[in-house]
Amino acid sequence: MRKYGLIGYPLGHSFSQKYFTQKFISENISDCSYENYPIDSLKGFRKLIESEKELSGLNVTIPYKSEIIRFLNYTDSEAEKIGAVNVIKINRSGEEIELSGHNSDVTGIEGSLQPYLNKITDALVLGTGGSSKAVCYVLKKLGIKVTLVSRDKKKGTVQYAELDKATIGTTQLIVNTTPLGMYPNTGTMPEIDYEALNSGHILFDLVYNPEMTSFLQKGKEQGCSVISGIKMLHLQAEKAWEIWNDARLK
């Protein structure tokens, strides 16, 4: 039996276990299972890998996408450039264990944005965590100008209080990479001026539980196009499965 799973903390919001369990059933994959592994510290990571001897691959979610890199033997070039990993491939040879890191968020982000790319020249990216790094990487690769927004004063970012109507008005894409709005805190949302939004805006939320977040709902009320994180979840999950089963990859 090959085992796969998800590490992060907390994991009550996650759909990954349900997604892969349904995939295994619908595709008649009988030799695989998928479990959630909520760990409140990466101190327990190595013990998990060593004790779960059938574990062949992991997804990584908040808050460990960047921190996990130091525990890996190898990180592919794209994940290294981004500075974040959300897929770990586990290769075992006797007692030897080799861990390689990859980023399937890139596939999910680019696929989700594909229908809108001819409308976007500028983007606001809300948040500075591991998912934000992947979003910025994709947008810059596509030639889109990125403004990074943070709660705190950081080099290369603007703060929420600095986002005026003019800045929001001239930016076609706004991406929420923060956990604001995620179950169970569904009433929360990024603090931007939603009155400045109109039908020319596209709002993309990486949160997928609930599918229609407060952030997206506010945008919809203003006439914006909205992209739920559920499509990204499906795309990145399929890419993760491809990585785990590609014998050519480390």
C-alpha atoms as a PDB file:
ATOM      1  CA  MET A   1       0.000   0.000   0.000  1.00  0.00           C
ATOM      2  CA  ARG A   2       1.384   3.394  -1.018  1.00  0.00           C
ATOM      3  CA  LYS A   3       0.459   6.184   1.359  1.00  0.00           C
ATOM      4  CA  TYR A   4       0.247   9.890   0.628  1.00  0.00           C
ATOM      5  CA  GLY A   5      -0.773  12.762   2.836  1.00  0.00           C
ATOM      6  CA  LEU A   6      -0.850  16.395   3.841  1.00  0.00           C
ATOM      7  CA  ILE A   7       1.221  18.194   6.470  1.00  0.00           C
ATOM      8  CA  GLY A   8       0.402  21.609   7.910  1.00  0.00           C
ATOM      9  CA  TYR A   9      -1.403  23.100  10.889  1.00  0.00           C
ATOM     10  CA  PRO A  10      -4.314  23.278  11.358  1.00  0.00           C
ATOM     11  CA  LEU A  11      -5.853  21.027   8.691  1.00  0.00           C
ATOM     12  CA  GLY A  12      -9.571  21.321   9.441  1.00  0.00           C
ATOM     13  CA  HIS A  13     -10.036  23.464   6.310  1.00  0.00           C
ATOM     14  CA  SER A  14      -8.406  21.022   3.894  1.00  0.00           C
ATOM     15  CA  PHE A  15     -10.157  19.178   1.051  1.00  0.00           C
ATOM     16  CA  SER A  16      -7.042  17.274  -0.079  1.00  0.00           C
ATOM     17  CA  GLN A  17      -7.854  14.025   1.722  1.00  0.00           C
ATOM     18  CA  LYS A  18     -11.391  14.006   0.285  1.00  0.00           C
ATOM     19  CA  TYR A  19     -10.091  14.848  -3.206  1.00  0.00           C
ATOM     20  CA  PHE A  20      -7.515  12.064  -3.347  1.00  0.00           C
ATOM     21  CA  THR A  21      -9.749   9.486  -1.662  1.00  0.00           C
ATOM     22  CA  GLN A  22     -12.426  10.143  -4.293  1.00  0.00           C
ATOM     23  CA  LYS A  23      -9.789  10.048  -7.045  1.00  0.00           C
ATOM     24  CA  PHE A  24      -8.558   6.627  -5.894  1.00  0.00           C
ATOM     25  CA  ILE A  25     -12.128   5.280  -5.869  1.00  0.00           C
ATOM     26  CA  SER A  26     -13.193   6.763  -9.223  1.00  0.00           C
ATOM     27  CA  GLU A  27      -9.981   5.669 -11.000  1.00  0.00           C
ATOM     28  CA  ASN A  28      -9.969   2.243  -9.345  1.00  0.00           C
ATOM     29  CA  ILE A  29      -6.593   2.850  -7.665  1.00  0.00           C
ATOM     30  CA  SER A  30      -6.777   0.262  -4.892  1.00  0.00           C
ATOM     31  CA  ASP A  31      -3.202   0.311  -3.617  1.00  0.00           C
ATOM     32  CA  CYS A  32      -3.117   3.917  -2.366  1.00  0.00           C
ATOM     33  CA  SER A  33      -4.460   5.899   0.585  1.00  0.00           C
ATOM     34  CA  TYR A  34      -4.277   9.547   1.665  1.00  0.00           C
ATOM     35  CA  GLU A  35      -4.158  10.866   5.235  1.00  0.00           C
ATOM     36  CA  ASN A  36      -3.964  14.213   7.001  1.00  0.00           C
ATOM     37  CA  TYR A  37      -0.938  14.706   9.267  1.00  0.00           C
ATOM     38  CA  PRO A  38      -1.514  17.852  11.354  1.00  0.00           C
ATOM     39  CA  ILE A  39       1.832  18.735  12.943  1.00  0.00           C
ATOM     40  CA  ASP A  40       2.132  21.873  15.055  1.00  0.00           C
ATOM     41  CA  SER A  41       5.906  21.979  14.559  1.00  0.00           C
ATOM     42  CA  LEU A  42       8.316  20.652  11.937  1.00  0.00           C
ATOM     43  CA  LYS A  43      10.295  19.103  14.787  1.00  0.00           C
ATOM     44  CA  GLY A  44       8.077  16.062  14.292  1.00  0.00           C
ATOM     45  CA  PHE A  45       8.536  15.913  10.525  1.00  0.00           C
ATOM     46  CA  ARG A  46      11.465  13.495  10.336  1.00  0.00           C
ATOM     47  CA  LYS A  47       9.834  11.143  12.845  1.00  0.00           C
ATOM     48  CA  LEU A  48       6.707  11.063  10.666  1.00  0.00           C
ATOM     49  CA  ILE A  49       8.732  10.141   7.557  1.00  0.00           C
ATOM     50  CA  GLU A  50      10.636   7.403   9.390  1.00  0.00           C
ATOM     51  CA  SER A  51       7.653   5.894  11.209  1.00  0.00           C
ATOM     52  CA  GLU A  52       5.240   5.853   8.236  1.00  0.00           C
ATOM     53  CA  LYS A  53       7.284   3.453   6.103  1.00  0.00           C
ATOM     54  CA  GLU A  54       4.726   3.261   3.266  1.00  0.00           C
ATOM     55  CA  LEU A  55       4.592   7.047   2.893  1.00  0.00           C
ATOM     56  CA  SER A  56       5.537   7.887  -0.712  1.00  0.00           C
ATOM     57  CA  GLY A  57       4.627  11.557  -0.996  1.00  0.00           C
ATOM     58  CA  LEU A  58       3.279  14.581   0.854  1.00  0.00           C
ATOM     59  CA  ASN A  59       1.499  17.809   0.129  1.00  0.00           C
ATOM     60  CA  VAL A  60       2.571  20.791   2.240  1.00  0.00           C
ATOM     61  CA  THR A  61       0.248  23.602   3.295  1.00  0.00           C
ATOM     62  CA  ILE A  62       0.409  26.622   5.611  1.00  0.00           C
ATOM     63  CA  PRO A  63       2.488  27.469   7.523  1.00  0.00           C
ATOM     64  CA  TYR A  64       5.333  25.225   6.283  1.00  0.00           C
ATOM     65  CA  LYS A  65       5.753  25.810   2.528  1.00  0.00           C
ATOM     66  CA  SER A  66       8.983  27.786   2.935  1.00  0.00           C
ATOM     67  CA  GLU A  67      10.295  26.359   6.209  1.00  0.00           C
ATOM     68  CA  ILE A  68      10.124  22.761   4.932  1.00  0.00           C
ATOM     69  CA  ILE A  69      12.905  23.346   2.376  1.00  0.00           C
ATOM     70  CA  ARG A  70      15.692  22.977   4.951  1.00  0.00           C
ATOM     71  CA  PHE A  71      14.530  19.409   5.694  1.00  0.00           C
ATOM     72  CA  LEU A  72      14.838  18.243   2.076  1.00  0.00           C
ATOM     73  CA  ASN A  73      17.704  16.561   0.241  1.00  0.00           C
ATOM     74  CA  TYR A  74      16.829  18.209  -3.061  1.00  0.00           C
ATOM     75  CA  THR A  75      14.622  21.065  -4.283  1.00  0.00           C
ATOM     76  CA  ASP A  76      13.813  21.401  -7.966  1.00  0.00           C
ATOM     77  CA  SER A  77      14.881  24.601  -9.729  1.00  0.00           C
ATOM     78  CA  GLU A  78      11.414  26.151  -9.949  1.00  0.00           C
ATOM     79  CA  ALA A  79      10.583  25.554  -6.272  1.00  0.00           C
ATOM     80  CA  GLU A  80      14.022  26.888  -5.356  1.00  0.00           C
ATOM     81  CA  LYS A  81      13.439  30.108  -7.326  1.00  0.00           C
ATOM     82  CA  ILE A  82      10.048  30.544  -5.665  1.00  0.00           C
ATOM     83  CA  GLY A  83      11.354  29.713  -2.192  1.00  0.00           C
ATOM     84  CA  ALA A  84       8.384  27.472  -1.413  1.00  0.00           C
ATOM     85  CA  VAL A  85       7.523  23.768  -1.696  1.00  0.00           C
ATOM     86  CA  ASN A  86       4.044  22.217  -1.602  1.00  0.00           C
ATOM     87  CA  VAL A  87       4.880  18.711  -2.888  1.00  0.00           C
ATOM     88  CA  ILE A  88       7.419  16.287  -1.414  1.00  0.00           C
ATOM     89  CA  LYS A  89       8.399  13.104  -3.217  1.00  0.00           C
ATOM     90  CA  ILE A  90       9.767  10.395  -0.906  1.00  0.00           C
ATOM     91  CA  ASN A  91      12.252   7.898  -2.353  1.00  0.00           C
ATOM     92  CA  ARG A  92      13.226   4.940  -0.167  1.00  0.00           C
ATOM     93  CA  SER A  93      16.083   2.484  -0.685  1.00  0.00           C
ATOM     94  CA  GLY A  94      16.382   0.161   2.313  1.00  0.00           C
ATOM     95  CA  GLU A  95      16.918   2.448   5.291  1.00  0.00           C
ATOM     96  CA  GLU A  96      17.971   5.360   3.052  1.00  0.00           C
ATOM     97  CA  ILE A  97      15.350   8.081   2.601  1.00  0.00           C
ATOM     98  CA  GLU A  98      15.654  10.892   0.050  1.00  0.00           C
ATOM     99  CA  LEU A  99      13.187  13.792   0.075  1.00  0.00           C
ATOM    100  CA  SER A 100      12.735  16.054  -2.950  1.00  0.00           C
ATOM    101  CA  GLY A 101      10.690  19.254  -3.022  1.00  0.00           C
ATOM    102  CA  HIS A 102       8.515  20.587  -5.851  1.00  0.00           C
ATOM    103  CA  ASN A 103       5.867  23.273  -6.377  1.00  0.00           C
ATOM    104  CA  SER A 104       2.590  22.294  -8.054  1.00  0.00           C
ATOM    105  CA  ASP A 105       0.960  25.602  -7.053  1.00  0.00           C
ATOM    106  CA  VAL A 106       2.529  27.080 -10.205  1.00  0.00           C
ATOM    107  CA  THR A 107       0.392  24.779 -12.382  1.00  0.00           C
ATOM    108  CA  GLY A 108      -2.732  25.585 -10.344  1.00  0.00           C
ATOM    109  CA  ILE A 109      -2.208  29.352 -10.438  1.00  0.00           C
ATOM    110  CA  GLU A 110      -1.397  29.570 -14.142  1.00  0.00           C
ATOM    111  CA  GLY A 111      -4.276  27.270 -15.102  1.00  0.00           C
ATOM    112  CA  SER A 112      -6.763  29.253 -13.016  1.00  0.00           C
ATOM    113  CA  LEU A 113      -5.712  32.565 -14.575  1.00  0.00           C
ATOM    114  CA  GLN A 114      -5.438  31.329 -18.173  1.00  0.00           C
ATOM    115  CA  PRO A 115      -8.885  32.562 -19.387  1.00  0.00           C
ATOM    116  CA  TYR A 116      -8.175  36.099 -18.101  1.00  0.00           C
ATOM    117  CA  LEU A 117      -4.539  36.695 -19.087  1.00  0.00           C
ATOM    118  CA  ASN A 118      -5.292  38.991 -22.031  1.00  0.00           C
ATOM    119  CA  LYS A 119      -7.040  41.384 -19.599  1.00  0.00           C
ATOM    120  CA  ILE A 120      -4.258  41.678 -16.995  1.00  0.00           C
ATOM    121  CA  THR A 121      -1.233  44.010 -16.934  1.00  0.00           C
ATOM    122  CA  ASP A 122      -1.095  44.812 -13.187  1.00  0.00           C
ATOM    123  CA  ALA A 123      -1.779  42.768 -10.048  1.00  0.00           C
ATOM    124  CA  LEU A 124      -2.051  43.274  -6.301  1.00  0.00           C
ATOM    125  CA  VAL A 125      -0.951  40.193  -4.339  1.00  0.00           C
ATOM    126  CA  LEU A 126      -2.267  40.194  -0.768  1.00  0.00           C
ATOM    127  CA  GLY A 127       0.038  38.351   1.649  1.00  0.00           C
ATOM    128  CA  THR A 128       3.703  37.374   1.669  1.00  0.00           C
ATOM    129  CA  GLY A 129       3.756  33.656   2.613  1.00  0.00           C
ATOM    130  CA  GLY A 130       4.675  30.566   0.599  1.00  0.00           C
ATOM    131  CA  SER A 131       1.604  30.719  -1.643  1.00  0.00           C
ATOM    132  CA  SER A 132       2.245  34.399  -2.327  1.00  0.00           C
ATOM    133  CA  LYS A 133       5.753  33.544  -3.543  1.00  0.00           C
ATOM    134  CA  ALA A 134       4.333  31.090  -6.075  1.00  0.00           C
ATOM    135  CA  VAL A 135       1.736  33.633  -7.269  1.00  0.00           C
ATOM    136  CA  CYS A 136       4.376  36.349  -7.716  1.00  0.00           C
ATOM    137  CA  TYR A 137       6.647  33.929  -9.583  1.00  0.00           C
ATOM    138  CA  VAL A 138       3.869  33.011 -12.051  1.00  0.00           C
ATOM    139  CA  LEU A 139       2.706  36.597 -12.595  1.00  0.00           C
ATOM    140  CA  LYS A 140       6.209  37.917 -13.214  1.00  0.00           C
ATOM    141  CA  LYS A 141       6.886  35.025 -15.611  1.00  0.00           C
ATOM    142  CA  LEU A 142       3.764  36.104 -17.517  1.00  0.00           C
ATOM    143  CA  GLY A 143       4.997  39.717 -17.683  1.00  0.00           C
ATOM    144  CA  ILE A 144       2.440  41.096 -15.232  1.00  0.00           C
ATOM    145  CA  LYS A 145       3.491  43.919 -12.923  1.00  0.00           C
ATOM    146  CA  VAL A 146       3.112  42.864  -9.261  1.00  0.00           C
ATOM    147  CA  THR A 147       2.547  44.978  -6.156  1.00  0.00           C
ATOM    148  CA  LEU A 148       2.933  42.960  -2.964  1.00  0.00           C
ATOM    149  CA  VAL A 149       0.700  43.941  -0.033  1.00  0.00           C
ATOM    150  CA  SER A 150       1.491  43.156   3.612  1.00  0.00           C
ATOM    151  CA  ARG A 151       0.046  43.980   7.029  1.00  0.00           C
ATOM    152  CA  ASP A 152       3.536  44.879   8.243  1.00  0.00           C
ATOM    153  CA  LYS A 153       6.110  47.267   6.854  1.00  0.00           C
ATOM    154  CA  LYS A 154       8.461  45.130   4.763  1.00  0.00           C
ATOM    155  CA  LYS A 155      10.954  45.886   2.033  1.00  0.00           C
ATOM    156  CA  GLY A 156       9.377  45.605  -1.408  1.00  0.00           C
ATOM    157  CA  THR A 157       5.786  45.721  -0.125  1.00  0.00           C
ATOM    158  CA  VAL A 158       3.057  48.266   0.515  1.00  0.00           C
ATOM    159  CA  GLN A 159       0.764  48.157   3.516  1.00  0.00           C
ATOM    160  CA  TYR A 160      -3.019  47.805   3.299  1.00  0.00           C
ATOM    161  CA  ALA A 161      -3.474  51.352   4.600  1.00  0.00           C
ATOM    162  CA  GLU A 162      -1.481  52.639   1.600  1.00  0.00           C
ATOM    163  CA  LEU A 163      -3.888  51.145  -0.965  1.00  0.00           C
ATOM    164  CA  ASP A 164      -5.936  54.084  -2.200  1.00  0.00           C
ATOM    165  CA  LYS A 165      -8.819  54.085  -4.690  1.00  0.00           C
ATOM    166  CA  ALA A 166      -6.521  55.114  -7.549  1.00  0.00           C
ATOM    167  CA  THR A 167      -4.153  52.176  -6.991  1.00  0.00           C
ATOM    168  CA  ILE A 168      -6.997  49.671  -6.761  1.00  0.00           C
ATOM    169  CA  GLY A 169      -8.792  51.281  -9.713  1.00  0.00           C
ATOM    170  CA  THR A 170      -5.837  50.833 -12.084  1.00  0.00           C
ATOM    171  CA  THR A 171      -5.103  47.236 -11.065  1.00  0.00           C
ATOM    172  CA  GLN A 172      -7.016  44.553 -12.945  1.00  0.00           C
ATOM    173  CA  LEU A 173      -6.147  41.511 -10.777  1.00  0.00           C
ATOM    174  CA  ILE A 174      -6.254  41.184  -6.976  1.00  0.00           C
ATOM    175  CA  VAL A 175      -5.109  37.879  -5.476  1.00  0.00           C
ATOM    176  CA  ASN A 176      -5.729  36.842  -1.871  1.00  0.00           C
ATOM    177  CA  THR A 177      -2.974  34.484  -0.702  1.00  0.00           C
ATOM    178  CA  THR A 178      -3.738  34.932   3.019  1.00  0.00           C
ATOM    179  CA  PRO A 179      -5.877  32.515   5.069  1.00  0.00           C
ATOM    180  CA  LEU A 180      -8.459  35.258   5.690  1.00  0.00           C
ATOM    181  CA  GLY A 181     -11.932  33.895   4.966  1.00  0.00           C
ATOM    182  CA  MET A 182     -10.900  30.261   5.409  1.00  0.00           C
ATOM    183  CA  TYR A 183     -13.197  27.924   7.326  1.00  0.00           C
ATOM    184  CA  PRO A 184     -14.068  28.268  10.197  1.00  0.00           C
ATOM    185  CA  ASN A 185     -13.334  32.028  10.092  1.00  0.00           C
ATOM    186  CA  THR A 186     -15.491  32.605   7.035  1.00  0.00           C
ATOM    187  CA  GLY A 187     -16.502  36.155   7.962  1.00  0.00           C
ATOM    188  CA  THR A 188     -12.973  37.541   7.657  1.00  0.00           C
ATOM    189  CA  MET A 189     -11.493  39.140   4.519  1.00  0.00           C
ATOM    190  CA  PRO A 190      -8.540  41.324   3.472  1.00  0.00           C
ATOM    191  CA  GLU A 191      -8.914  44.990   4.423  1.00  0.00           C
ATOM    192  CA  ILE A 192      -9.112  46.708   1.056  1.00  0.00           C
ATOM    193  CA  ASP A 193     -11.551  49.340  -0.243  1.00  0.00           C
ATOM    194  CA  TYR A 194     -14.152  47.113  -1.923  1.00  0.00           C
ATOM    195  CA  GLU A 195     -16.093  50.216  -3.047  1.00  0.00           C
ATOM    196  CA  ALA A 196     -13.216  50.920  -5.463  1.00  0.00           C
ATOM    197  CA  LEU A 197     -13.861  47.665  -7.342  1.00  0.00           C
ATOM    198  CA  ASN A 198     -15.830  47.419 -10.584  1.00  0.00           C
ATOM    199  CA  SER A 199     -16.562  45.099 -13.521  1.00  0.00           C
ATOM    200  CA  GLY A 200     -13.026  45.566 -14.829  1.00  0.00           C
ATOM    201  CA  HIS A 201     -11.526  43.775 -11.835  1.00  0.00           C
ATOM    202  CA  ILE A 202     -10.698  40.089 -11.412  1.00  0.00           C
ATOM    203  CA  LEU A 203     -10.538  38.701  -7.857  1.00  0.00           C
ATOM    204  CA  PHE A 204      -8.706  35.417  -7.302  1.00  0.00           C
ATOM    205  CA  ASP A 205      -8.813  33.760  -3.861  1.00  0.00           C
ATOM    206  CA  LEU A 206      -6.463  30.877  -3.069  1.00  0.00           C
ATOM    207  CA  VAL A 207      -8.769  29.921  -0.187  1.00  0.00           C
ATOM    208  CA  TYR A 208     -11.058  27.106  -1.392  1.00  0.00           C
ATOM    209  CA  ASN A 209     -13.073  26.343   1.753  1.00  0.00           C
ATOM    210  CA  PRO A 210     -15.594  27.908   1.425  1.00  0.00           C
ATOM    211  CA  GLU A 211     -15.633  28.046  -2.367  1.00  0.00           C
ATOM    212  CA  MET A 212     -17.243  31.517  -2.308  1.00  0.00           C
ATOM    213  CA  THR A 213     -15.291  33.464   0.310  1.00  0.00           C
ATOM    214  CA  SER A 214     -16.311  36.834   1.746  1.00  0.00           C
ATOM    215  CA  PHE A 215     -13.523  38.388  -0.374  1.00  0.00           C
ATOM    216  CA  LEU A 216     -15.003  36.944  -3.591  1.00  0.00           C
ATOM    217  CA  GLN A 217     -18.581  37.729  -2.553  1.00  0.00           C
ATOM    218  CA  LYS A 218     -17.700  41.393  -1.990  1.00  0.00           C
ATOM    219  CA  GLY A 219     -16.072  41.491  -5.416  1.00  0.00           C
ATOM    220  CA  LYS A 220     -19.059  39.827  -7.063  1.00  0.00           C
ATOM    221  CA  GLU A 221     -21.372  42.449  -5.545  1.00  0.00           C
ATOM    222  CA  GLN A 222     -19.246  45.117  -7.259  1.00  0.00           C
ATOM    223  CA  GLY A 223     -19.461  43.344 -10.627  1.00  0.00           C
ATOM    224  CA  CYS A 224     -15.986  41.771 -10.566  1.00  0.00           C
ATOM    225  CA  SER A 225     -15.033  38.493 -12.231  1.00  0.00           C
ATOM    226  CA  VAL A 226     -14.134  36.022  -9.456  1.00  0.00           C
ATOM    227  CA  ILE A 227     -11.936  32.914  -9.411  1.00  0.00           C
ATOM    228  CA  SER A 228     -12.352  30.408  -6.588  1.00  0.00           C
ATOM    229  CA  GLY A 229      -9.397  28.516  -5.157  1.00  0.00           C
ATOM    230  CA  ILE A 230     -11.165  25.202  -5.822  1.00  0.00           C
ATOM    231  CA  LYS A 231      -9.973  25.098  -9.452  1.00  0.00           C
ATOM    232  CA  MET A 232      -6.411  25.710  -8.327  1.00  0.00           C
ATOM    233  CA  LEU A 233      -6.774  22.929  -5.737  1.00  0.00           C
ATOM    234  CA  HIS A 234      -7.777  20.424  -8.412  1.00  0.00           C
ATOM    235  CA  LEU A 235      -5.051  21.485 -10.850  1.00  0.00           C
ATOM    236  CA  GLN A 236      -2.246  21.454  -8.283  1.00  0.00           C
ATOM    237  CA  ALA A 237      -3.453  18.126  -6.826  1.00  0.00           C
ATOM    238  CA  GLU A 238      -3.274  16.449 -10.250  1.00  0.00           C
ATOM    239  CA  LYS A 239       0.195  17.917 -10.782  1.00  0.00           C
ATOM    240  CA  ALA A 240       1.268  16.532  -7.381  1.00  0.00           C
ATOM    241  CA  TRP A 241       0.035  13.074  -8.393  1.00  0.00           C
ATOM    242  CA  GLU A 242       2.043  13.371 -11.622  1.00  0.00           C
ATOM    243  CA  ILE A 243       5.189  14.309  -9.646  1.00  0.00           C
ATOM    244  CA  TRP A 244       4.805  11.423  -7.199  1.00  0.00           C
ATOM    245  CA  ASN A 245       4.434   8.922 -10.052  1.00  0.00           C
ATOM    246  CA  ASP A 246       7.085  10.262 -12.448  1.00  0.00           C
ATOM    247  CA  ALA A 247       9.993   7.804 -12.269  1.00  0.00           C
ATOM    248  CA  ARG A 248      12.249  10.348 -14.028  1.00  0.00           C
ATOM    249  CA  LEU A 249      12.024  12.796 -11.132  1.00  0.00           C
ATOM    250  CA  LYS A 250      14.101  12.568  -7.987  1.00  0.00           C
END
